[in-house]
Protein backbone atom coordinates (compact mmCIF):
# COMPACT_ATOMS: atom_id res chain seq x y z
CA MET A 1 -62.39 -0.24 -118.91
CA HIS A 2 -59.07 -0.92 -117.20
CA ILE A 3 -59.19 -0.93 -113.39
CA THR A 4 -56.09 -1.19 -111.24
CA LEU A 5 -56.79 -2.29 -107.67
CA THR A 6 -55.06 -0.98 -104.57
CA PRO A 7 -55.57 -3.39 -101.68
CA MET A 8 -56.41 -1.93 -98.29
CA ARG A 9 -57.25 -3.60 -94.98
CA ARG A 10 -60.87 -2.55 -94.38
CA ASP A 11 -63.96 -4.21 -92.97
CA ASP A 12 -66.42 -2.65 -95.41
CA GLY A 13 -67.24 -4.09 -98.81
CA LEU A 14 -67.06 -3.11 -102.45
CA ILE A 15 -69.65 -4.06 -105.05
CA LEU A 16 -69.02 -3.08 -108.67
CA SER A 17 -70.88 -3.31 -111.92
CA ARG A 18 -70.31 -1.78 -115.33
CA ARG A 19 -72.64 -0.52 -118.03
CA GLY A 20 -70.70 1.07 -120.86
CA ASP A 21 -68.80 4.02 -119.39
CA VAL A 22 -70.89 3.96 -116.20
CA LEU A 23 -69.27 2.29 -113.21
CA THR A 24 -71.61 1.52 -110.32
CA ILE A 25 -69.80 1.44 -106.99
CA ASN A 26 -71.81 0.27 -103.98
CA GLY A 27 -75.04 1.36 -105.67
CA LEU A 28 -73.86 4.80 -106.86
CA ASP A 29 -73.42 5.44 -110.59
CA TYR A 30 -70.32 7.24 -111.87
CA ASP A 31 -70.80 8.19 -115.52
CA PHE A 32 -67.47 8.72 -117.27
CA ALA A 33 -68.97 8.91 -120.80
CA PRO A 34 -68.35 12.67 -121.12
CA LEU A 35 -64.57 12.18 -120.59
CA PRO A 36 -62.96 12.70 -124.03
CA GLU A 37 -59.96 10.84 -125.42
CA GLY A 38 -56.71 11.92 -123.79
CA ALA A 39 -58.45 13.81 -121.00
CA ILE A 40 -57.76 13.49 -117.29
CA LEU A 41 -60.50 13.75 -114.69
CA PRO A 42 -58.77 14.55 -111.39
CA ARG A 43 -59.51 12.22 -108.50
CA ASP A 44 -60.60 15.18 -106.37
CA ALA A 45 -63.30 16.04 -108.93
CA VAL A 46 -65.09 12.73 -108.28
CA ASP A 47 -66.93 12.35 -104.98
CA CYS A 48 -65.99 8.70 -104.42
CA VAL A 49 -64.01 7.37 -101.46
CA TRP A 50 -63.12 4.21 -103.43
CA LEU A 51 -61.36 6.07 -106.24
CA ALA A 52 -57.59 6.12 -105.71
CA SER A 53 -56.44 7.83 -108.92
CA ASP A 54 -57.35 10.25 -111.64
CA VAL A 55 -59.59 8.85 -114.38
CA THR A 56 -58.22 8.93 -117.91
CA ARG A 57 -59.30 7.79 -121.35
CA GLU A 58 -56.52 6.32 -123.49
CA GLY A 59 -57.14 4.50 -126.75
CA GLY A 60 -60.87 4.78 -126.09
CA GLN A 61 -60.50 2.90 -122.80
CA LEU A 62 -61.19 4.33 -119.35
CA ARG A 63 -58.38 3.81 -116.83
CA LEU A 64 -58.70 4.23 -113.08
CA THR A 65 -57.59 2.80 -109.75
CA LEU A 66 -59.96 1.67 -107.02
CA ILE A 67 -59.34 0.66 -103.42
CA LEU A 68 -59.93 -3.08 -102.93
CA PRO A 69 -60.94 -3.72 -99.31
CA HIS A 70 -59.90 -7.00 -97.73
CA GLY A 71 -60.15 -8.67 -94.35
CA ALA A 72 -57.37 -9.69 -91.99
CA ASP A 73 -57.19 -13.20 -93.45
CA ALA A 74 -57.44 -12.18 -97.12
CA PRO A 75 -56.27 -14.60 -99.80
CA PRO A 76 -53.20 -13.68 -101.88
CA GLU A 77 -55.32 -12.67 -104.89
CA ALA A 78 -56.93 -9.92 -102.78
CA VAL A 79 -53.68 -8.71 -101.24
CA PHE A 80 -51.84 -8.75 -104.59
CA PRO A 81 -54.68 -8.20 -107.10
CA ALA A 82 -54.23 -8.33 -110.84
CA PRO A 83 -55.69 -5.42 -112.83
CA LEU A 84 -59.18 -5.87 -114.23
CA LEU A 85 -59.95 -5.42 -117.92
CA LEU A 86 -63.71 -5.06 -118.20
CA THR A 87 -65.00 -5.77 -121.70
CA ALA A 88 -68.60 -6.69 -120.89
CA ASP A 89 -71.39 -5.05 -118.96
CA GLY A 90 -72.65 -6.49 -115.70
CA PRO A 91 -71.46 -7.31 -112.20
CA VAL A 92 -67.70 -7.30 -111.62
CA THR A 93 -66.14 -10.17 -109.70
CA LEU A 94 -63.39 -8.85 -107.46
CA PRO A 95 -60.27 -10.85 -106.53
CA GLY A 96 -60.62 -12.58 -103.19
CA SER A 97 -64.39 -12.15 -103.00
CA ALA A 98 -66.55 -15.11 -101.98
CA HIS A 99 -68.09 -15.08 -105.46
CA ALA A 100 -64.64 -15.26 -107.07
CA LYS A 101 -63.81 -18.29 -104.93
CA GLU A 102 -67.12 -19.99 -105.84
CA THR A 103 -66.48 -19.31 -109.54
CA ALA A 104 -62.96 -20.74 -109.33
CA ASP A 105 -64.20 -23.81 -107.39
CA ALA A 106 -66.91 -24.44 -110.00
CA GLN A 107 -64.35 -24.26 -112.82
CA ASN A 108 -62.06 -26.85 -111.18
C-alpha cells in the first residue's frame, strides 16, 4: 500500500493501521480489497474526511493520499512528509508523531 501524505494544520489526531487491503483510520475500517487492478475508487465514494484523493490499484498496490494533521510547532518531517510504503500489517507510524520520535531516538 502506497500512501502519500498531505500535511494540514489541525489539532485532531490520526491513528492508522493496516491489515492486508484494509486500512483502519481512527478506529474505522476501510476495506479496499474489492478494488480491482487498474480501477479508480473516487474520493467522494468513500465516507472518510482523512482521504484526500481517489483510491487506485496499480501493479497490485493500493495508492491513496491521506491528510496528515500536525500542530503549530510540527517538526519538518510532519510538514514535508515522505510517502509511506506499507508492506507489513500492523500499526502505522506517521512522520512527526511522538512514536516516530521515540523510535528514531531509540535507534540512535
